[in-house]
Amino acid sequence: SVQNVMETRARGGDYVFTTPPALVGLAQGGKAMFE
């Protein structure tokens, strides 16, 4: 899931991925593994 979220940085509008909602929150806050 972490890789899935990280790849949004380079992907376009044809990208769909799966992850727990908690990881999205961490990514948007720049916390934990996304620091």
ModelCIF file with pLDDT and N, C-alpha, C, O atoms, coordinates in Angstrom:
data_MODEL
#
_entry.id   MODEL 
#
_entity.id                         1 
_entity.type                       polymer 
_entity.pdbx_number_of_molecules   1 
#
_entity_poly.entity_id                      1 
_entity_poly.type                           'polypeptide(L)' 
_entity_poly.nstd_linkage                   no 
_entity_poly.nstd_monomer                   no 
_entity_poly.pdbx_seq_one_letter_code       SVQNVMETRARGGDYVFTTPPALVGLAQGGKAMFE 
_entity_poly.pdbx_seq_one_letter_code_can   SVQNVMETRARGGDYVFTTPPALVGLAQGGKAMFE 
_entity_poly.pdbx_strand_id                 A 
#
loop_
_entity_poly_seq.entity_id 
_entity_poly_seq.num 
_entity_poly_seq.mon_id 
_entity_poly_seq.hetero 
1 1  SER n 
1 2  VAL n 
1 3  GLN n 
1 4  ASN n 
1 5  VAL n 
1 6  MET n 
1 7  GLU n 
1 8  THR n 
1 9  ARG n 
1 10 ALA n 
1 11 ARG n 
1 12 GLY n 
1 13 GLY n 
1 14 ASP n 
1 15 TYR n 
1 16 VAL n 
1 17 PHE n 
1 18 THR n 
1 19 THR n 
1 20 PRO n 
1 21 PRO n 
1 22 ALA n 
1 23 LEU n 
1 24 VAL n 
1 25 GLY n 
1 26 LEU n 
1 27 ALA n 
1 28 GLN n 
1 29 GLY n 
1 30 GLY n 
1 31 LYS n 
1 32 ALA n 
1 33 MET n 
1 34 PHE n 
1 35 GLU n 
#
_struct_asym.id          A 
_struct_asym.entity_id   1 
#
loop_
_ma_qa_metric.id 
_ma_qa_metric.mode 
_ma_qa_metric.name 
_ma_qa_metric.software_group_id 
_ma_qa_metric.type 
1 global pLDDT . pLDDT 
2 local  pLDDT . pLDDT 
#
_ma_qa_metric_global.metric_id      1 
_ma_qa_metric_global.metric_value   94.46 
_ma_qa_metric_global.model_id       1 
_ma_qa_metric_global.ordinal_id     1 
#
loop_
_ma_qa_metric_local.label_asym_id 
_ma_qa_metric_local.label_comp_id 
_ma_qa_metric_local.label_seq_id 
_ma_qa_metric_local.metric_id 
_ma_qa_metric_local.metric_value 
_ma_qa_metric_local.model_id 
_ma_qa_metric_local.ordinal_id 
A SER 1  2 89.00 1 1  
A VAL 2  2 90.00 1 2  
A GLN 3  2 93.00 1 3  
A ASN 4  2 94.00 1 4  
A VAL 5  2 96.00 1 5  
A MET 6  2 96.00 1 6  
A GLU 7  2 96.00 1 7  
A THR 8  2 96.00 1 8  
A ARG 9  2 95.00 1 9  
A ALA 10 2 94.00 1 10 
A ARG 11 2 95.00 1 11 
A GLY 12 2 94.00 1 12 
A GLY 13 2 94.00 1 13 
A ASP 14 2 96.00 1 14 
A TYR 15 2 98.00 1 15 
A VAL 16 2 98.00 1 16 
A PHE 17 2 97.00 1 17 
A THR 18 2 96.00 1 18 
A THR 19 2 94.00 1 19 
A PRO 20 2 93.00 1 20 
A PRO 21 2 95.00 1 21 
A ALA 22 2 91.00 1 22 
A LEU 23 2 93.00 1 23 
A VAL 24 2 96.00 1 24 
A GLY 25 2 95.00 1 25 
A LEU 26 2 95.00 1 26 
A ALA 27 2 96.00 1 27 
A GLN 28 2 96.00 1 28 
A GLY 29 2 95.00 1 29 
A GLY 30 2 95.00 1 30 
A LYS 31 2 95.00 1 31 
A ALA 32 2 92.00 1 32 
A MET 33 2 91.00 1 33 
A PHE 34 2 94.00 1 34 
A GLU 35 2 93.00 1 35 
#
loop_
_atom_site.group_PDB 
_atom_site.id 
_atom_site.type_symbol 
_atom_site.label_atom_id 
_atom_site.label_alt_id 
_atom_site.label_comp_id 
_atom_site.label_asym_id 
_atom_site.label_entity_id 
_atom_site.label_seq_id 
_atom_site.pdbx_PDB_ins_code 
_atom_site.Cartn_x 
_atom_site.Cartn_y 
_atom_site.Cartn_z 
_atom_site.occupancy 
_atom_site.B_iso_or_equiv 
_atom_site.pdbx_formal_charge 
_atom_site.auth_seq_id 
_atom_site.auth_comp_id 
_atom_site.auth_asym_id 
_atom_site.auth_atom_id 
_atom_site.pdbx_PDB_model_num 
ATOM 1   N N  . SER A 1 1  ? 0.798  -1.224 0.000   1.00 89.00 ? 1  SER A N  1 
ATOM 2   C CA . SER A 1 1  ? 0.000  0.000  0.000   1.00 89.00 ? 1  SER A CA 1 
ATOM 3   C C  . SER A 1 1  ? 0.831  1.275  0.000   1.00 89.00 ? 1  SER A C  1 
ATOM 4   O O  . SER A 1 1  ? 0.443  2.268  -0.615  1.00 89.00 ? 1  SER A O  1 
ATOM 5   N N  . VAL A 1 2  ? 1.969  1.255  0.684   1.00 90.00 ? 2  VAL A N  1 
ATOM 6   C CA . VAL A 1 2  ? 2.809  2.458  0.723   1.00 90.00 ? 2  VAL A CA 1 
ATOM 7   C C  . VAL A 1 2  ? 3.302  2.799  -0.677  1.00 90.00 ? 2  VAL A C  1 
ATOM 8   O O  . VAL A 1 2  ? 3.265  3.958  -1.088  1.00 90.00 ? 2  VAL A O  1 
ATOM 9   N N  . GLN A 1 3  ? 3.763  1.790  -1.404  1.00 93.00 ? 3  GLN A N  1 
ATOM 10  C CA . GLN A 1 3  ? 4.208  2.012  -2.780  1.00 93.00 ? 3  GLN A CA 1 
ATOM 11  C C  . GLN A 1 3  ? 3.062  2.563  -3.629  1.00 93.00 ? 3  GLN A C  1 
ATOM 12  O O  . GLN A 1 3  ? 3.260  3.463  -4.444  1.00 93.00 ? 3  GLN A O  1 
ATOM 13  N N  . ASN A 1 4  ? 1.873  2.019  -3.432  1.00 94.00 ? 4  ASN A N  1 
ATOM 14  C CA . ASN A 1 4  ? 0.710  2.466  -4.210  1.00 94.00 ? 4  ASN A CA 1 
ATOM 15  C C  . ASN A 1 4  ? 0.464  3.963  -4.032  1.00 94.00 ? 4  ASN A C  1 
ATOM 16  O O  . ASN A 1 4  ? 0.220  4.685  -4.999  1.00 94.00 ? 4  ASN A O  1 
ATOM 17  N N  . VAL A 1 5  ? 0.532  4.416  -2.775  1.00 96.00 ? 5  VAL A N  1 
ATOM 18  C CA . VAL A 1 5  ? 0.320  5.841  -2.487  1.00 96.00 ? 5  VAL A CA 1 
ATOM 19  C C  . VAL A 1 5  ? 1.455  6.679  -3.071  1.00 96.00 ? 5  VAL A C  1 
ATOM 20  O O  . VAL A 1 5  ? 1.208  7.719  -3.680  1.00 96.00 ? 5  VAL A O  1 
ATOM 21  N N  . MET A 1 6  ? 2.690  6.232  -2.889  1.00 96.00 ? 6  MET A N  1 
ATOM 22  C CA . MET A 1 6  ? 3.843  6.993  -3.373  1.00 96.00 ? 6  MET A CA 1 
ATOM 23  C C  . MET A 1 6  ? 3.774  7.218  -4.883  1.00 96.00 ? 6  MET A C  1 
ATOM 24  O O  . MET A 1 6  ? 4.190  8.266  -5.376  1.00 96.00 ? 6  MET A O  1 
ATOM 25  N N  . GLU A 1 7  ? 3.255  6.247  -5.608  1.00 96.00 ? 7  GLU A N  1 
ATOM 26  C CA . GLU A 1 7  ? 3.241  6.351  -7.064  1.00 96.00 ? 7  GLU A CA 1 
ATOM 27  C C  . GLU A 1 7  ? 2.274  7.401  -7.599  1.00 96.00 ? 7  GLU A C  1 
ATOM 28  O O  . GLU A 1 7  ? 2.319  7.732  -8.784  1.00 96.00 ? 7  GLU A O  1 
ATOM 29  N N  . THR A 1 8  ? 1.398  7.929  -6.743  1.00 96.00 ? 8  THR A N  1 
ATOM 30  C CA . THR A 1 8  ? 0.509  8.996  -7.213  1.00 96.00 ? 8  THR A CA 1 
ATOM 31  C C  . THR A 1 8  ? 1.300  10.227 -7.636  1.00 96.00 ? 8  THR A C  1 
ATOM 32  O O  . THR A 1 8  ? 0.803  11.062 -8.391  1.00 96.00 ? 8  THR A O  1 
ATOM 33  N N  . ARG A 1 9  ? 2.539  10.337 -7.144  1.00 95.00 ? 9  ARG A N  1 
ATOM 34  C CA . ARG A 1 9  ? 3.363  11.498 -7.478  1.00 95.00 ? 9  ARG A CA 1 
ATOM 35  C C  . ARG A 1 9  ? 3.728  11.531 -8.960  1.00 95.00 ? 9  ARG A C  1 
ATOM 36  O O  . ARG A 1 9  ? 3.987  12.600 -9.513  1.00 95.00 ? 9  ARG A O  1 
ATOM 37  N N  . ALA A 1 10 ? 3.749  10.363 -9.605  1.00 94.00 ? 10 ALA A N  1 
ATOM 38  C CA . ALA A 1 10 ? 4.194  10.304 -11.002 1.00 94.00 ? 10 ALA A CA 1 
ATOM 39  C C  . ALA A 1 10 ? 3.111  9.807  -11.952 1.00 94.00 ? 10 ALA A C  1 
ATOM 40  O O  . ALA A 1 10 ? 3.331  9.740  -13.162 1.00 94.00 ? 10 ALA A O  1 
ATOM 41  N N  . ARG A 1 11 ? 1.954  9.459  -11.419 1.00 95.00 ? 11 ARG A N  1 
ATOM 42  C CA . ARG A 1 11 ? 0.893  8.887  -12.251 1.00 95.00 ? 11 ARG A CA 1 
ATOM 43  C C  . ARG A 1 11 ? -0.112 9.952  -12.679 1.00 95.00 ? 11 ARG A C  1 
ATOM 44  O O  . ARG A 1 11 ? -0.171 11.049 -12.124 1.00 95.00 ? 11 ARG A O  1 
ATOM 45  N N  . GLY A 1 12 ? -0.908 9.576  -13.700 1.00 94.00 ? 12 GLY A N  1 
ATOM 46  C CA . GLY A 1 12 ? -1.909 10.503 -14.228 1.00 94.00 ? 12 GLY A CA 1 
ATOM 47  C C  . GLY A 1 12 ? -3.329 10.098 -13.870 1.00 94.00 ? 12 GLY A C  1 
ATOM 48  O O  . GLY A 1 12 ? -3.568 9.419  -12.871 1.00 94.00 ? 12 GLY A O  1 
ATOM 49  N N  . GLY A 1 13 ? -4.260 10.524 -14.702 1.00 94.00 ? 13 GLY A N  1 
ATOM 50  C CA . GLY A 1 13 ? -5.674 10.305 -14.430 1.00 94.00 ? 13 GLY A CA 1 
ATOM 51  C C  . GLY A 1 13 ? -6.165 8.906  -14.705 1.00 94.00 ? 13 GLY A C  1 
ATOM 52  O O  . GLY A 1 13 ? -7.340 8.609  -14.491 1.00 94.00 ? 13 GLY A O  1 
ATOM 53  N N  . ASP A 1 14 ? -5.277 8.029  -15.182 1.00 96.00 ? 14 ASP A N  1 
ATOM 54  C CA . ASP A 1 14 ? -5.686 6.646  -15.469 1.00 96.00 ? 14 ASP A CA 1 
ATOM 55  C C  . ASP A 1 14 ? -5.235 5.686  -14.358 1.00 96.00 ? 14 ASP A C  1 
ATOM 56  O O  . ASP A 1 14 ? -5.238 4.470  -14.546 1.00 96.00 ? 14 ASP A O  1 
ATOM 57  N N  . TYR A 1 15 ? -4.848 6.239  -13.205 1.00 98.00 ? 15 TYR A N  1 
ATOM 58  C CA . TYR A 1 15 ? -4.278 5.430  -12.122 1.00 98.00 ? 15 TYR A CA 1 
ATOM 59  C C  . TYR A 1 15 ? -5.293 5.204  -11.006 1.00 98.00 ? 15 TYR A C  1 
ATOM 60  O O  . TYR A 1 15 ? -5.842 6.154  -10.448 1.00 98.00 ? 15 TYR A O  1 
ATOM 61  N N  . VAL A 1 16 ? -5.534 3.931  -10.688 1.00 98.00 ? 16 VAL A N  1 
ATOM 62  C CA . VAL A 1 16 ? -6.364 3.539  -9.551  1.00 98.00 ? 16 VAL A CA 1 
ATOM 63  C C  . VAL A 1 16 ? -5.524 2.618  -8.677  1.00 98.00 ? 16 VAL A C  1 
ATOM 64  O O  . VAL A 1 16 ? -4.815 1.751  -9.189  1.00 98.00 ? 16 VAL A O  1 
ATOM 65  N N  . PHE A 1 17 ? -5.597 2.799  -7.374  1.00 97.00 ? 17 PHE A N  1 
ATOM 66  C CA . PHE A 1 17 ? -4.802 1.974  -6.468  1.00 97.00 ? 17 PHE A CA 1 
ATOM 67  C C  . PHE A 1 17 ? -5.592 1.694  -5.198  1.00 97.00 ? 17 PHE A C  1 
ATOM 68  O O  . PHE A 1 17 ? -6.591 2.357  -4.920  1.00 97.00 ? 17 PHE A O  1 
ATOM 69  N N  . THR A 1 18 ? -5.144 0.717  -4.437  1.00 96.00 ? 18 THR A N  1 
ATOM 70  C CA . THR A 1 18 ? -5.812 0.373  -3.187  1.00 96.00 ? 18 THR A CA 1 
ATOM 71  C C  . THR A 1 18 ? -4.874 0.617  -2.008  1.00 96.00 ? 18 THR A C  1 
ATOM 72  O O  . THR A 1 18 ? -3.661 0.430  -2.103  1.00 96.00 ? 18 THR A O  1 
ATOM 73  N N  . THR A 1 19 ? -5.471 1.040  -0.898  1.00 94.00 ? 19 THR A N  1 
ATOM 74  C CA . THR A 1 19 ? -4.717 1.283  0.328   1.00 94.00 ? 19 THR A CA 1 
ATOM 75  C C  . THR A 1 19 ? -5.695 1.514  1.470   1.00 94.00 ? 19 THR A C  1 
ATOM 76  O O  . THR A 1 19 ? -6.836 1.902  1.220   1.00 94.00 ? 19 THR A O  1 
ATOM 77  N N  . PRO A 1 20 ? -5.291 1.290  2.707   1.00 93.00 ? 20 PRO A N  1 
ATOM 78  C CA . PRO A 1 20 ? -6.137 1.673  3.840   1.00 93.00 ? 20 PRO A CA 1 
ATOM 79  C C  . PRO A 1 20 ? -6.265 3.196  3.906   1.00 93.00 ? 20 PRO A C  1 
ATOM 80  O O  . PRO A 1 20 ? -5.286 3.895  3.644   1.00 93.00 ? 20 PRO A O  1 
ATOM 81  N N  . PRO A 1 21 ? -7.444 3.732  4.250   1.00 95.00 ? 21 PRO A N  1 
ATOM 82  C CA . PRO A 1 21 ? -7.604 5.191  4.357   1.00 95.00 ? 21 PRO A CA 1 
ATOM 83  C C  . PRO A 1 21 ? -6.606 5.843  5.312   1.00 95.00 ? 21 PRO A C  1 
ATOM 84  O O  . PRO A 1 21 ? -6.213 6.992  5.112   1.00 95.00 ? 21 PRO A O  1 
ATOM 85  N N  . ALA A 1 22 ? -6.197 5.111  6.350   1.00 91.00 ? 22 ALA A N  1 
ATOM 86  C CA . ALA A 1 22 ? -5.254 5.683  7.317   1.00 91.00 ? 22 ALA A CA 1 
ATOM 87  C C  . ALA A 1 22 ? -3.939 6.076  6.654   1.00 91.00 ? 22 ALA A C  1 
ATOM 88  O O  . ALA A 1 22 ? -3.324 7.069  7.043   1.00 91.00 ? 22 ALA A O  1 
ATOM 89  N N  . LEU A 1 23 ? -3.498 5.306  5.656   1.00 93.00 ? 23 LEU A N  1 
ATOM 90  C CA . LEU A 1 23 ? -2.238 5.617  4.973   1.00 93.00 ? 23 LEU A CA 1 
ATOM 91  C C  . LEU A 1 23 ? -2.349 6.893  4.147   1.00 93.00 ? 23 LEU A C  1 
ATOM 92  O O  . LEU A 1 23 ? -1.387 7.651  4.029   1.00 93.00 ? 23 LEU A O  1 
ATOM 93  N N  . VAL A 1 24 ? -3.532 7.125  3.575   1.00 96.00 ? 24 VAL A N  1 
ATOM 94  C CA . VAL A 1 24 ? -3.733 8.362  2.816   1.00 96.00 ? 24 VAL A CA 1 
ATOM 95  C C  . VAL A 1 24 ? -3.611 9.556  3.754   1.00 96.00 ? 24 VAL A C  1 
ATOM 96  O O  . VAL A 1 24 ? -3.004 10.571 3.413   1.00 96.00 ? 24 VAL A O  1 
ATOM 97  N N  . GLY A 1 25 ? -4.198 9.419  4.938   1.00 95.00 ? 25 GLY A N  1 
ATOM 98  C CA . GLY A 1 25 ? -4.093 10.493 5.927   1.00 95.00 ? 25 GLY A CA 1 
ATOM 99  C C  . GLY A 1 25 ? -2.660 10.757 6.334   1.00 95.00 ? 25 GLY A C  1 
ATOM 100 O O  . GLY A 1 25 ? -2.260 11.911 6.490   1.00 95.00 ? 25 GLY A O  1 
ATOM 101 N N  . LEU A 1 26 ? -1.875 9.693  6.510   1.00 95.00 ? 26 LEU A N  1 
ATOM 102 C CA . LEU A 1 26 ? -0.460 9.856  6.869   1.00 95.00 ? 26 LEU A CA 1 
ATOM 103 C C  . LEU A 1 26 ? 0.313  10.534 5.744   1.00 95.00 ? 26 LEU A C  1 
ATOM 104 O O  . LEU A 1 26 ? 1.156  11.397 5.987   1.00 95.00 ? 26 LEU A O  1 
ATOM 105 N N  . ALA A 1 27 ? 0.015  10.129 4.502   1.00 96.00 ? 27 ALA A N  1 
ATOM 106 C CA . ALA A 1 27 ? 0.704  10.731 3.350   1.00 96.00 ? 27 ALA A CA 1 
ATOM 107 C C  . ALA A 1 27 ? 0.383  12.218 3.246   1.00 96.00 ? 27 ALA A C  1 
ATOM 108 O O  . ALA A 1 27 ? 1.276  13.032 3.011   1.00 96.00 ? 27 ALA A O  1 
ATOM 109 N N  . GLN A 1 28 ? -0.865 12.566 3.418   1.00 96.00 ? 28 GLN A N  1 
ATOM 110 C CA . GLN A 1 28 ? -1.266 13.964 3.302   1.00 96.00 ? 28 GLN A CA 1 
ATOM 111 C C  . GLN A 1 28 ? -0.728 14.811 4.447   1.00 96.00 ? 28 GLN A C  1 
ATOM 112 O O  . GLN A 1 28 ? -0.575 16.025 4.313   1.00 96.00 ? 28 GLN A O  1 
ATOM 113 N N  . GLY A 1 29 ? -0.439 14.161 5.583   1.00 95.00 ? 29 GLY A N  1 
ATOM 114 C CA . GLY A 1 29 ? 0.134  14.880 6.713   1.00 95.00 ? 29 GLY A CA 1 
ATOM 115 C C  . GLY A 1 29 ? 1.646  14.803 6.772   1.00 95.00 ? 29 GLY A C  1 
ATOM 116 O O  . GLY A 1 29 ? 2.261  15.413 7.646   1.00 95.00 ? 29 GLY A O  1 
ATOM 117 N N  . GLY A 1 30 ? 2.275  14.043 5.832   1.00 95.00 ? 30 GLY A N  1 
ATOM 118 C CA . GLY A 1 30 ? 3.724  13.896 5.816   1.00 95.00 ? 30 GLY A CA 1 
ATOM 119 C C  . GLY A 1 30 ? 4.251  13.199 7.058   1.00 95.00 ? 30 GLY A C  1 
ATOM 120 O O  . GLY A 1 30 ? 5.318  13.543 7.565   1.00 95.00 ? 30 GLY A O  1 
ATOM 121 N N  . LYS A 1 31 ? 3.491  12.204 7.556   1.00 95.00 ? 31 LYS A N  1 
ATOM 122 C CA . LYS A 1 31 ? 3.856  11.539 8.807   1.00 95.00 ? 31 LYS A CA 1 
ATOM 123 C C  . LYS A 1 31 ? 4.312  10.095 8.575   1.00 95.00 ? 31 LYS A C  1 
ATOM 124 O O  . LYS A 1 31 ? 4.120  9.516  7.505   1.00 95.00 ? 31 LYS A O  1 
ATOM 125 N N  . ALA A 1 32 ? 4.928  9.539  9.632   1.00 92.00 ? 32 ALA A N  1 
ATOM 126 C CA . ALA A 1 32 ? 5.371  8.138  9.649   1.00 92.00 ? 32 ALA A CA 1 
ATOM 127 C C  . ALA A 1 32 ? 6.237  7.825  8.430   1.00 92.00 ? 32 ALA A C  1 
ATOM 128 O O  . ALA A 1 32 ? 7.243  8.494  8.194   1.00 92.00 ? 32 ALA A O  1 
ATOM 129 N N  . MET A 1 33 ? 5.844  6.798  7.644   1.00 91.00 ? 33 MET A N  1 
ATOM 130 C CA . MET A 1 33 ? 6.668  6.386  6.503   1.00 91.00 ? 33 MET A CA 1 
ATOM 131 C C  . MET A 1 33 ? 6.704  7.425  5.371   1.00 91.00 ? 33 MET A C  1 
ATOM 132 O O  . MET A 1 33 ? 7.464  7.273  4.414   1.00 91.00 ? 33 MET A O  1 
ATOM 133 N N  . PHE A 1 34 ? 5.884  8.478  5.480   1.00 94.00 ? 34 PHE A N  1 
ATOM 134 C CA . PHE A 1 34 ? 5.868  9.528  4.456   1.00 94.00 ? 34 PHE A CA 1 
ATOM 135 C C  . PHE A 1 34 ? 6.594  10.792 4.917   1.00 94.00 ? 34 PHE A C  1 
ATOM 136 O O  . PHE A 1 34 ? 6.594  11.804 4.216   1.00 94.00 ? 34 PHE A O  1 
ATOM 137 N N  . GLU A 1 35 ? 7.207  10.730 6.090   1.00 93.00 ? 35 GLU A N  1 
ATOM 138 C CA . GLU A 1 35 ? 7.933  11.890 6.599   1.00 93.00 ? 35 GLU A CA 1 
ATOM 139 C C  . GLU A 1 35 ? 9.095  12.230 5.665   1.00 93.00 ? 35 GLU A C  1 
ATOM 140 O O  . GLU A 1 35 ? 9.834  13.181 5.919   1.00 93.00 ? 35 GLU A O  1 
#
